[in-house]
Amino acid sequence: MAHDLPGERKLLLTWGVLMGLTLVSLVGGQVVGEGRAEPLAWWSVALVLGATYYKARQILMVYLNLRASTPGWKGLLRAFLVLTLGLILGGYLLAVLA
């Protein structure tokens, strides 16, 4: 079973990718206004949610070692991830349209 665990190189590479995606999310989600709360542009929301999806997927696959799991677990947790991001997107759309 120990051979199924990710190696140190894979863990460090994944950590670097996660840090890069965090920077992408920070840049994409910056509020440009002068202290006013304004909704993000659609491309910014897509960028932040896309980076969030990939980050969460990497954490599931590498750090939680879901890649060594059965397809059922992989599908279930990916479905929960998509559902969660869909709820976040829905909340954003409700706030913008209201």
PDB file of N, CA and C in Angstrom:
ATOM      1  N   MET A   1       0.822  -1.197   0.000  1.00  0.00           N
ATOM      2  CA  MET A   1       0.000   0.000   0.000  1.00  0.00           C
ATOM      3  C   MET A   1       0.863   1.256   0.000  1.00  0.00           C
ATOM      4  N   ALA A   2       2.053   1.191   0.586  1.00  0.00           N
ATOM      5  CA  ALA A   2       2.913   2.366   0.671  1.00  0.00           C
ATOM      6  C   ALA A   2       3.353   2.832  -0.712  1.00  0.00           C
ATOM      7  N   HIS A   3       3.402   1.924  -1.685  1.00  0.00           N
ATOM      8  CA  HIS A   3       3.822   2.317  -3.026  1.00  0.00           C
ATOM      9  C   HIS A   3       2.760   3.159  -3.732  1.00  0.00           C
ATOM     10  N   ASP A   4       1.530   3.168  -3.218  1.00  0.00           N
ATOM     11  CA  ASP A   4       0.462   3.978  -3.812  1.00  0.00           C
ATOM     12  C   ASP A   4       0.504   5.433  -3.349  1.00  0.00           C
ATOM     13  N   LEU A   5       1.292   5.721  -2.326  1.00  0.00           N
ATOM     14  CA  LEU A   5       1.349   7.083  -1.807  1.00  0.00           C
ATOM     15  C   LEU A   5       2.190   7.961  -2.730  1.00  0.00           C
ATOM     16  N   PRO A   6       1.814   9.232  -2.876  1.00  0.00           N
ATOM     17  CA  PRO A   6       2.606  10.130  -3.725  1.00  0.00           C
ATOM     18  C   PRO A   6       3.963  10.399  -3.083  1.00  0.00           C
ATOM     19  N   GLY A   7       4.980  10.525  -3.932  1.00  0.00           N
ATOM     20  CA  GLY A   7       6.319  10.794  -3.445  1.00  0.00           C
ATOM     21  C   GLY A   7       6.511  12.247  -3.063  1.00  0.00           C
ATOM     22  N   GLU A   8       7.654  12.529  -2.464  1.00  0.00           N
ATOM     23  CA  GLU A   8       7.953  13.880  -2.012  1.00  0.00           C
ATOM     24  C   GLU A   8       7.982  14.866  -3.187  1.00  0.00           C
ATOM     25  N   ARG A   9       8.536  14.433  -4.305  1.00  0.00           N
ATOM     26  CA  ARG A   9       8.608  15.302  -5.485  1.00  0.00           C
ATOM     27  C   ARG A   9       7.200  15.678  -5.970  1.00  0.00           C
ATOM     28  N   LYS A  10       6.302  14.707  -6.025  1.00  0.00           N
ATOM     29  CA  LYS A  10       4.920  14.958  -6.460  1.00  0.00           C
ATOM     30  C   LYS A  10       4.211  15.907  -5.491  1.00  0.00           C
ATOM     31  N   LEU A  11       4.431  15.707  -4.202  1.00  0.00           N
ATOM     32  CA  LEU A  11       3.802  16.568  -3.199  1.00  0.00           C
ATOM     33  C   LEU A  11       4.298  18.009  -3.318  1.00  0.00           C
ATOM     34  N   LEU A  12       5.607  18.179  -3.504  1.00  0.00           N
ATOM     35  CA  LEU A  12       6.160  19.525  -3.626  1.00  0.00           C
ATOM     36  C   LEU A  12       5.725  20.200  -4.925  1.00  0.00           C
ATOM     37  N   LEU A  13       5.682  19.446  -6.001  1.00  0.00           N
ATOM     38  CA  LEU A  13       5.221  19.992  -7.276  1.00  0.00           C
ATOM     39  C   LEU A  13       3.759  20.423  -7.177  1.00  0.00           C
ATOM     40  N   THR A  14       2.950  19.599  -6.554  1.00  0.00           N
ATOM     41  CA  THR A  14       1.539  19.935  -6.362  1.00  0.00           C
ATOM     42  C   THR A  14       1.393  21.170  -5.484  1.00  0.00           C
ATOM     43  N   TRP A  15       2.199  21.263  -4.436  1.00  0.00           N
ATOM     44  CA  TRP A  15       2.159  22.432  -3.567  1.00  0.00           C
ATOM     45  C   TRP A  15       2.492  23.691  -4.372  1.00  0.00           C
ATOM     46  N   GLY A  16       3.500  23.621  -5.234  1.00  0.00           N
ATOM     47  CA  GLY A  16       3.857  24.761  -6.072  1.00  0.00           C
ATOM     48  C   GLY A  16       2.724  25.165  -7.003  1.00  0.00           C
ATOM     49  N   VAL A  17       2.065  24.182  -7.603  1.00  0.00           N
ATOM     50  CA  VAL A  17       0.924  24.465  -8.477  1.00  0.00           C
ATOM     51  C   VAL A  17      -0.205  25.113  -7.683  1.00  0.00           C
ATOM     52  N   LEU A  18      -0.463  24.625  -6.482  1.00  0.00           N
ATOM     53  CA  LEU A  18      -1.517  25.200  -5.639  1.00  0.00           C
ATOM     54  C   LEU A  18      -1.202  26.644  -5.265  1.00  0.00           C
ATOM     55  N   MET A  19       0.054  26.933  -4.983  1.00  0.00           N
ATOM     56  CA  MET A  19       0.434  28.310  -4.657  1.00  0.00           C
ATOM     57  C   MET A  19       0.279  29.215  -5.883  1.00  0.00           C
ATOM     58  N   GLY A  20       0.641  28.722  -7.054  1.00  0.00           N
ATOM     59  CA  GLY A  20       0.453  29.494  -8.283  1.00  0.00           C
ATOM     60  C   GLY A  20      -1.012  29.777  -8.552  1.00  0.00           C
ATOM     61  N   LEU A  21      -1.857  28.774  -8.352  1.00  0.00           N
ATOM     62  CA  LEU A  21      -3.294  28.965  -8.559  1.00  0.00           C
ATOM     63  C   LEU A  21      -3.899  29.903  -7.520  1.00  0.00           C
ATOM     64  N   THR A  22      -3.332  29.923  -6.329  1.00  0.00           N
ATOM     65  CA  THR A  22      -3.780  30.879  -5.318  1.00  0.00           C
ATOM     66  C   THR A  22      -3.478  32.300  -5.776  1.00  0.00           C
ATOM     67  N   LEU A  23      -2.305  32.508  -6.357  1.00  0.00           N
ATOM     68  CA  LEU A  23      -1.968  33.829  -6.896  1.00  0.00           C
ATOM     69  C   LEU A  23      -2.897  34.214  -8.040  1.00  0.00           C
ATOM     70  N   VAL A  24      -3.232  33.246  -8.901  1.00  0.00           N
ATOM     71  CA  VAL A  24      -4.178  33.505  -9.992  1.00  0.00           C
ATOM     72  C   VAL A  24      -5.523  33.934  -9.418  1.00  0.00           C
ATOM     73  N   SER A  25      -5.985  33.252  -8.387  1.00  0.00           N
ATOM     74  CA  SER A  25      -7.259  33.601  -7.759  1.00  0.00           C
ATOM     75  C   SER A  25      -7.204  34.991  -7.128  1.00  0.00           C
ATOM     76  N   LEU A  26      -6.093  35.320  -6.493  1.00  0.00           N
ATOM     77  CA  LEU A  26      -5.960  36.634  -5.866  1.00  0.00           C
ATOM     78  C   LEU A  26      -5.976  37.748  -6.899  1.00  0.00           C
ATOM     79  N   VAL A  27      -5.260  37.555  -7.999  1.00  0.00           N
ATOM     80  CA  VAL A  27      -5.225  38.570  -9.044  1.00  0.00           C
ATOM     81  C   VAL A  27      -6.593  38.672  -9.722  1.00  0.00           C
ATOM     82  N   GLY A  28      -7.213  37.541 -10.009  1.00  0.00           N
ATOM     83  CA  GLY A  28      -8.513  37.548 -10.676  1.00  0.00           C
ATOM     84  C   GLY A  28      -9.629  38.107  -9.827  1.00  0.00           C
ATOM     85  N   GLY A  29      -9.507  38.014  -8.520  1.00  0.00           N
ATOM     86  CA  GLY A  29     -10.577  38.455  -7.636  1.00  0.00           C
ATOM     87  C   GLY A  29     -10.381  39.830  -7.032  1.00  0.00           C
ATOM     88  N   GLN A  30      -9.356  40.536  -7.473  1.00  0.00           N
ATOM     89  CA  GLN A  30      -9.117  41.863  -6.910  1.00  0.00           C
ATOM     90  C   GLN A  30     -10.249  42.821  -7.245  1.00  0.00           C
ATOM     91  N   VAL A  31     -10.630  43.591  -6.271  1.00  0.00           N
ATOM     92  CA  VAL A  31     -11.633  44.630  -6.478  1.00  0.00           C
ATOM     93  C   VAL A  31     -10.887  45.884  -6.908  1.00  0.00           C
ATOM     94  N   VAL A  32     -11.267  46.423  -8.053  1.00  0.00           N
ATOM     95  CA  VAL A  32     -10.539  47.551  -8.633  1.00  0.00           C
ATOM     96  C   VAL A  32     -11.049  48.889  -8.121  1.00  0.00           C
ATOM     97  N   GLY A  33     -12.262  48.904  -7.612  1.00  0.00           N
ATOM     98  CA  GLY A  33     -12.862  50.165  -7.153  1.00  0.00           C
ATOM     99  C   GLY A  33     -12.115  50.761  -5.971  1.00  0.00           C
ATOM    100  N   GLU A  34     -12.439  51.999  -5.668  1.00  0.00           N
ATOM    101  CA  GLU A  34     -11.780  52.721  -4.580  1.00  0.00           C
ATOM    102  C   GLU A  34     -12.509  52.457  -3.268  1.00  0.00           C
ATOM    103  N   GLY A  35     -12.423  51.264  -2.759  1.00  0.00           N
ATOM    104  CA  GLY A  35     -13.065  50.924  -1.509  1.00  0.00           C
ATOM    105  C   GLY A  35     -14.532  50.564  -1.638  1.00  0.00           C
ATOM    106  N   ARG A  36     -15.066  50.639  -2.854  1.00  0.00           N
ATOM    107  CA  ARG A  36     -16.467  50.279  -3.069  1.00  0.00           C
ATOM    108  C   ARG A  36     -16.547  48.805  -3.432  1.00  0.00           C
ATOM    109  N   ALA A  37     -17.596  48.184  -2.965  1.00  0.00           N
ATOM    110  CA  ALA A  37     -17.825  46.781  -3.313  1.00  0.00           C
ATOM    111  C   ALA A  37     -18.562  46.727  -4.648  1.00  0.00           C
ATOM    112  N   GLU A  38     -17.909  46.184  -5.654  1.00  0.00           N
ATOM    113  CA  GLU A  38     -18.506  46.045  -6.972  1.00  0.00           C
ATOM    114  C   GLU A  38     -18.440  44.579  -7.375  1.00  0.00           C
ATOM    115  N   PRO A  39     -19.406  44.112  -8.149  1.00  0.00           N
ATOM    116  CA  PRO A  39     -19.351  42.719  -8.591  1.00  0.00           C
ATOM    117  C   PRO A  39     -18.169  42.488  -9.540  1.00  0.00           C
ATOM    118  N   LEU A  40     -17.641  41.295  -9.492  1.00  0.00           N
ATOM    119  CA  LEU A  40     -16.544  40.941 -10.383  1.00  0.00           C
ATOM    120  C   LEU A  40     -17.057  40.755 -11.803  1.00  0.00           C
ATOM    121  N   ALA A  41     -16.189  40.952 -12.749  1.00  0.00           N
ATOM    122  CA  ALA A  41     -16.528  40.688 -14.148  1.00  0.00           C
ATOM    123  C   ALA A  41     -16.719  39.190 -14.334  1.00  0.00           C
ATOM    124  N   TRP A  42     -17.462  38.787 -15.355  1.00  0.00           N
ATOM    125  CA  TRP A  42     -17.747  37.360 -15.582  1.00  0.00           C
ATOM    126  C   TRP A  42     -16.466  36.574 -15.808  1.00  0.00           C
ATOM    127  N   TRP A  43     -15.480  37.163 -16.516  1.00  0.00           N
ATOM    128  CA  TRP A  43     -14.232  36.439 -16.775  1.00  0.00           C
ATOM    129  C   TRP A  43     -13.445  36.248 -15.486  1.00  0.00           C
ATOM    130  N   SER A  44     -13.560  37.204 -14.572  1.00  0.00           N
ATOM    131  CA  SER A  44     -12.877  37.098 -13.295  1.00  0.00           C
ATOM    132  C   SER A  44     -13.484  35.993 -12.438  1.00  0.00           C
ATOM    133  N   VAL A  45     -14.808  35.920 -12.443  1.00  0.00           N
ATOM    134  CA  VAL A  45     -15.500  34.864 -11.696  1.00  0.00           C
ATOM    135  C   VAL A  45     -15.139  33.497 -12.271  1.00  0.00           C
ATOM    136  N   ALA A  46     -15.127  33.399 -13.602  1.00  0.00           N
ATOM    137  CA  ALA A  46     -14.766  32.140 -14.253  1.00  0.00           C
ATOM    138  C   ALA A  46     -13.320  31.744 -13.917  1.00  0.00           C
ATOM    139  N   LEU A  47     -12.417  32.713 -13.884  1.00  0.00           N
ATOM    140  CA  LEU A  47     -11.021  32.447 -13.566  1.00  0.00           C
ATOM    141  C   LEU A  47     -10.867  31.948 -12.127  1.00  0.00           C
ATOM    142  N   VAL A  48     -11.532  32.621 -11.192  1.00  0.00           N
ATOM    143  CA  VAL A  48     -11.432  32.236  -9.779  1.00  0.00           C
ATOM    144  C   VAL A  48     -12.064  30.862  -9.547  1.00  0.00           C
ATOM    145  N   LEU A  49     -13.248  30.619 -10.118  1.00  0.00           N
ATOM    146  CA  LEU A  49     -13.903  29.322  -9.921  1.00  0.00           C
ATOM    147  C   LEU A  49     -13.135  28.198 -10.619  1.00  0.00           C
ATOM    148  N   GLY A  50     -12.560  28.475 -11.780  1.00  0.00           N
ATOM    149  CA  GLY A  50     -11.744  27.471 -12.462  1.00  0.00           C
ATOM    150  C   GLY A  50     -10.505  27.107 -11.662  1.00  0.00           C
ATOM    151  N   ALA A  51      -9.828  28.123 -11.133  1.00  0.00           N
ATOM    152  CA  ALA A  51      -8.653  27.863 -10.296  1.00  0.00           C
ATOM    153  C   ALA A  51      -9.044  27.112  -9.029  1.00  0.00           C
ATOM    154  N   THR A  52     -10.185  27.476  -8.459  1.00  0.00           N
ATOM    155  CA  THR A  52     -10.664  26.800  -7.250  1.00  0.00           C
ATOM    156  C   THR A  52     -10.970  25.336  -7.528  1.00  0.00           C
ATOM    157  N   TYR A  53     -11.610  25.064  -8.671  1.00  0.00           N
ATOM    158  CA  TYR A  53     -11.912  23.679  -9.027  1.00  0.00           C
ATOM    159  C   TYR A  53     -10.627  22.868  -9.163  1.00  0.00           C
ATOM    160  N   TYR A  54      -9.665  23.405  -9.884  1.00  0.00           N
ATOM    161  CA  TYR A  54      -8.429  22.655 -10.097  1.00  0.00           C
ATOM    162  C   TYR A  54      -7.665  22.461  -8.788  1.00  0.00           C
ATOM    163  N   LYS A  55      -7.658  23.476  -7.922  1.00  0.00           N
ATOM    164  CA  LYS A  55      -6.987  23.345  -6.627  1.00  0.00           C
ATOM    165  C   LYS A  55      -7.644  22.254  -5.779  1.00  0.00           C
ATOM    166  N   ALA A  56      -8.960  22.293  -5.695  1.00  0.00           N
ATOM    167  CA  ALA A  56      -9.665  21.292  -4.896  1.00  0.00           C
ATOM    168  C   ALA A  56      -9.462  19.897  -5.469  1.00  0.00           C
ATOM    169  N   ARG A  57      -9.467  19.785  -6.799  1.00  0.00           N
ATOM    170  CA  ARG A  57      -9.242  18.490  -7.449  1.00  0.00           C
ATOM    171  C   ARG A  57      -7.841  17.961  -7.137  1.00  0.00           C
ATOM    172  N   GLN A  58      -6.842  18.839  -7.173  1.00  0.00           N
ATOM    173  CA  GLN A  58      -5.476  18.416  -6.872  1.00  0.00           C
ATOM    174  C   GLN A  58      -5.352  17.963  -5.414  1.00  0.00           C
ATOM    175  N   ILE A  59      -5.997  18.690  -4.515  1.00  0.00           N
ATOM    176  CA  ILE A  59      -5.950  18.304  -3.103  1.00  0.00           C
ATOM    177  C   ILE A  59      -6.590  16.932  -2.916  1.00  0.00           C
ATOM    178  N   LEU A  60      -7.728  16.717  -3.569  1.00  0.00           N
ATOM    179  CA  LEU A  60      -8.389  15.409  -3.471  1.00  0.00           C
ATOM    180  C   LEU A  60      -7.524  14.294  -4.047  1.00  0.00           C
ATOM    181  N   MET A  61      -6.967  14.518  -5.223  1.00  0.00           N
ATOM    182  CA  MET A  61      -6.237  13.460  -5.914  1.00  0.00           C
ATOM    183  C   MET A  61      -4.870  13.182  -5.310  1.00  0.00           C
ATOM    184  N   VAL A  62      -4.160  14.223  -4.897  1.00  0.00           N
ATOM    185  CA  VAL A  62      -2.785  14.035  -4.434  1.00  0.00           C
ATOM    186  C   VAL A  62      -2.712  13.925  -2.916  1.00  0.00           C
ATOM    187  N   TYR A  63      -3.169  14.940  -2.207  1.00  0.00           N
ATOM    188  CA  TYR A  63      -2.998  14.949  -0.755  1.00  0.00           C
ATOM    189  C   TYR A  63      -3.931  13.971  -0.040  1.00  0.00           C
ATOM    190  N   LEU A  64      -5.141  13.792  -0.548  1.00  0.00           N
ATOM    191  CA  LEU A  64      -6.039  12.801   0.042  1.00  0.00           C
ATOM    192  C   LEU A  64      -5.922  11.454  -0.657  1.00  0.00           C
ATOM    193  N   ASN A  65      -5.050  11.392  -1.686  1.00  0.00           N
ATOM    194  CA  ASN A  65      -4.737  10.164  -2.428  1.00  0.00           C
ATOM    195  C   ASN A  65      -5.980   9.501  -3.012  1.00  0.00           C
ATOM    196  N   LEU A  66      -6.887  10.311  -3.501  1.00  0.00           N
ATOM    197  CA  LEU A  66      -8.105   9.787  -4.099  1.00  0.00           C
ATOM    198  C   LEU A  66      -7.824   9.080  -5.422  1.00  0.00           C
ATOM    199  N   ARG A  67      -6.674   9.363  -6.039  1.00  0.00           N
ATOM    200  CA  ARG A  67      -6.333   8.714  -7.311  1.00  0.00           C
ATOM    201  C   ARG A  67      -6.183   7.208  -7.149  1.00  0.00           C
ATOM    202  N   ALA A  68      -5.927   6.752  -5.926  1.00  0.00           N
ATOM    203  CA  ALA A  68      -5.791   5.325  -5.666  1.00  0.00           C
ATOM    204  C   ALA A  68      -7.113   4.705  -5.223  1.00  0.00           C
ATOM    205  N   SER A  69      -8.187   5.490  -5.251  1.00  0.00           N
ATOM    206  CA  SER A  69      -9.489   5.033  -4.795  1.00  0.00           C
ATOM    207  C   SER A  69     -10.303   4.462  -5.953  1.00  0.00           C
ATOM    208  N   THR A  70     -11.482   3.998  -5.642  1.00  0.00           N
ATOM    209  CA  THR A  70     -12.368   3.435  -6.661  1.00  0.00           C
ATOM    210  C   THR A  70     -13.021   4.556  -7.472  1.00  0.00           C
ATOM    211  N   PRO A  71     -13.458   4.254  -8.689  1.00  0.00           N
ATOM    212  CA  PRO A  71     -14.118   5.277  -9.510  1.00  0.00           C
ATOM    213  C   PRO A  71     -15.377   5.857  -8.858  1.00  0.00           C
ATOM    214  N   GLY A  72     -16.063   5.077  -8.058  1.00  0.00           N
ATOM    215  CA  GLY A  72     -17.260   5.571  -7.383  1.00  0.00           C
ATOM    216  C   GLY A  72     -16.957   6.725  -6.439  1.00  0.00           C
ATOM    217  N   TRP A  73     -15.915   6.579  -5.621  1.00  0.00           N
ATOM    218  CA  TRP A  73     -15.527   7.642  -4.706  1.00  0.00           C
ATOM    219  C   TRP A  73     -15.053   8.874  -5.466  1.00  0.00           C
ATOM    220  N   LYS A  74     -14.279   8.650  -6.514  1.00  0.00           N
ATOM    221  CA  LYS A  74     -13.798   9.773  -7.317  1.00  0.00           C
ATOM    222  C   LYS A  74     -14.973  10.558  -7.896  1.00  0.00           C
ATOM    223  N   GLY A  75     -15.922   9.846  -8.470  1.00  0.00           N
ATOM    224  CA  GLY A  75     -17.088  10.496  -9.064  1.00  0.00           C
ATOM    225  C   GLY A  75     -17.924  11.222  -8.035  1.00  0.00           C
ATOM    226  N   LEU A  76     -18.132  10.602  -6.884  1.00  0.00           N
ATOM    227  CA  LEU A  76     -18.941  11.217  -5.831  1.00  0.00           C
ATOM    228  C   LEU A  76     -18.307  12.511  -5.325  1.00  0.00           C
ATOM    229  N   LEU A  77     -17.020  12.483  -5.040  1.00  0.00           N
ATOM    230  CA  LEU A  77     -16.376  13.678  -4.510  1.00  0.00           C
ATOM    231  C   LEU A  77     -16.240  14.766  -5.567  1.00  0.00           C
ATOM    232  N   ARG A  78     -16.045  14.379  -6.823  1.00  0.00           N
ATOM    233  CA  ARG A  78     -16.031  15.384  -7.892  1.00  0.00           C
ATOM    234  C   ARG A  78     -17.420  16.004  -8.064  1.00  0.00           C
ATOM    235  N   ALA A  79     -18.448  15.195  -7.918  1.00  0.00           N
ATOM    236  CA  ALA A  79     -19.815  15.716  -8.018  1.00  0.00           C
ATOM    237  C   ALA A  79     -20.087  16.710  -6.888  1.00  0.00           C
ATOM    238  N   PHE A  80     -19.641  16.397  -5.665  1.00  0.00           N
ATOM    239  CA  PHE A  80     -19.796  17.333  -4.557  1.00  0.00           C
ATOM    240  C   PHE A  80     -19.021  18.621  -4.815  1.00  0.00           C
ATOM    241  N   LEU A  81     -17.862  18.498  -5.420  1.00  0.00           N
ATOM    242  CA  LEU A  81     -17.063  19.668  -5.741  1.00  0.00           C
ATOM    243  C   LEU A  81     -17.781  20.552  -6.763  1.00  0.00           C
ATOM    244  N   VAL A  82     -18.296  19.947  -7.813  1.00  0.00           N
ATOM    245  CA  VAL A  82     -19.025  20.708  -8.835  1.00  0.00           C
ATOM    246  C   VAL A  82     -20.288  21.318  -8.231  1.00  0.00           C
ATOM    247  N   LEU A  83     -20.986  20.580  -7.375  1.00  0.00           N
ATOM    248  CA  LEU A  83     -22.179  21.103  -6.718  1.00  0.00           C
ATOM    249  C   LEU A  83     -21.846  22.316  -5.847  1.00  0.00           C
ATOM    250  N   THR A  84     -20.765  22.234  -5.097  1.00  0.00           N
ATOM    251  CA  THR A  84     -20.354  23.340  -4.240  1.00  0.00           C
ATOM    252  C   THR A  84     -20.008  24.574  -5.066  1.00  0.00           C
ATOM    253  N   LEU A  85     -19.240  24.383  -6.134  1.00  0.00           N
ATOM    254  CA  LEU A  85     -18.889  25.522  -6.990  1.00  0.00           C
ATOM    255  C   LEU A  85     -20.127  26.070  -7.700  1.00  0.00           C
ATOM    256  N   GLY A  86     -21.076  25.203  -8.038  1.00  0.00           N
ATOM    257  CA  GLY A  86     -22.330  25.654  -8.631  1.00  0.00           C
ATOM    258  C   GLY A  86     -23.137  26.501  -7.661  1.00  0.00           C
ATOM    259  N   LEU A  87     -23.152  26.119  -6.400  1.00  0.00           N
ATOM    260  CA  LEU A  87     -23.843  26.920  -5.387  1.00  0.00           C
ATOM    261  C   LEU A  87     -23.181  28.282  -5.213  1.00  0.00           C
ATOM    262  N   ILE A  88     -21.863  28.302  -5.249  1.00  0.00           N
ATOM    263  CA  ILE A  88     -21.149  29.578  -5.144  1.00  0.00           C
ATOM    264  C   ILE A  88     -21.468  30.460  -6.340  1.00  0.00           C
ATOM    265  N   LEU A  89     -21.453  29.875  -7.539  1.00  0.00           N
ATOM    266  CA  LEU A  89     -21.788  30.625  -8.753  1.00  0.00           C
ATOM    267  C   LEU A  89     -23.237  31.116  -8.696  1.00  0.00           C
ATOM    268  N   GLY A  90     -24.136  30.277  -8.213  1.00  0.00           N
ATOM    269  CA  GLY A  90     -25.533  30.678  -8.078  1.00  0.00           C
ATOM    270  C   GLY A  90     -25.709  31.834  -7.110  1.00  0.00           C
ATOM    271  N   GLY A  91     -24.990  31.795  -6.005  1.00  0.00           N
ATOM    272  CA  GLY A  91     -25.046  32.908  -5.038  1.00  0.00           C
ATOM    273  C   GLY A  91     -24.506  34.191  -5.634  1.00  0.00           C
ATOM    274  N   TYR A  92     -23.439  34.063  -6.432  1.00  0.00           N
ATOM    275  CA  TYR A  92     -22.891  35.247  -7.113  1.00  0.00           C
ATOM    276  C   TYR A  92     -23.914  35.821  -8.091  1.00  0.00           C
ATOM    277  N   LEU A  93     -24.549  34.948  -8.870  1.00  0.00           N
ATOM    278  CA  LEU A  93     -25.531  35.419  -9.849  1.00  0.00           C
ATOM    279  C   LEU A  93     -26.727  36.060  -9.166  1.00  0.00           C
ATOM    280  N   LEU A  94     -27.167  35.490  -8.049  1.00  0.00           N
ATOM    281  CA  LEU A  94     -28.280  36.111  -7.304  1.00  0.00           C
ATOM    282  C   LEU A  94     -27.903  37.491  -6.787  1.00  0.00           C
ATOM    283  N   ALA A  95     -26.687  37.631  -6.322  1.00  0.00           N
ATOM    284  CA  ALA A  95     -26.254  38.929  -5.807  1.00  0.00           C
ATOM    285  C   ALA A  95     -26.127  39.960  -6.916  1.00  0.00           C
ATOM    286  N   VAL A  96     -25.682  39.531  -8.082  1.00  0.00           N
ATOM    287  CA  VAL A  96     -25.502  40.470  -9.198  1.00  0.00           C
ATOM    288  C   VAL A  96     -26.848  40.869  -9.781  1.00  0.00           C
ATOM    289  N   LEU A  97     -27.772  39.917  -9.898  1.00  0.00           N
ATOM    290  CA  LEU A  97     -29.064  40.196 -10.522  1.00  0.00           C
ATOM    291  C   LEU A  97     -30.037  40.909  -9.589  1.00  0.00           C
ATOM    292  N   ALA A  98     -29.767  40.865  -8.296  1.00  0.00           N
ATOM    293  CA  ALA A  98     -30.680  41.489  -7.328  1.00  0.00           C
ATOM    294  C   ALA A  98     -30.503  42.988  -7.245  1.00  0.00           C
TER     295      ALA A  98
END
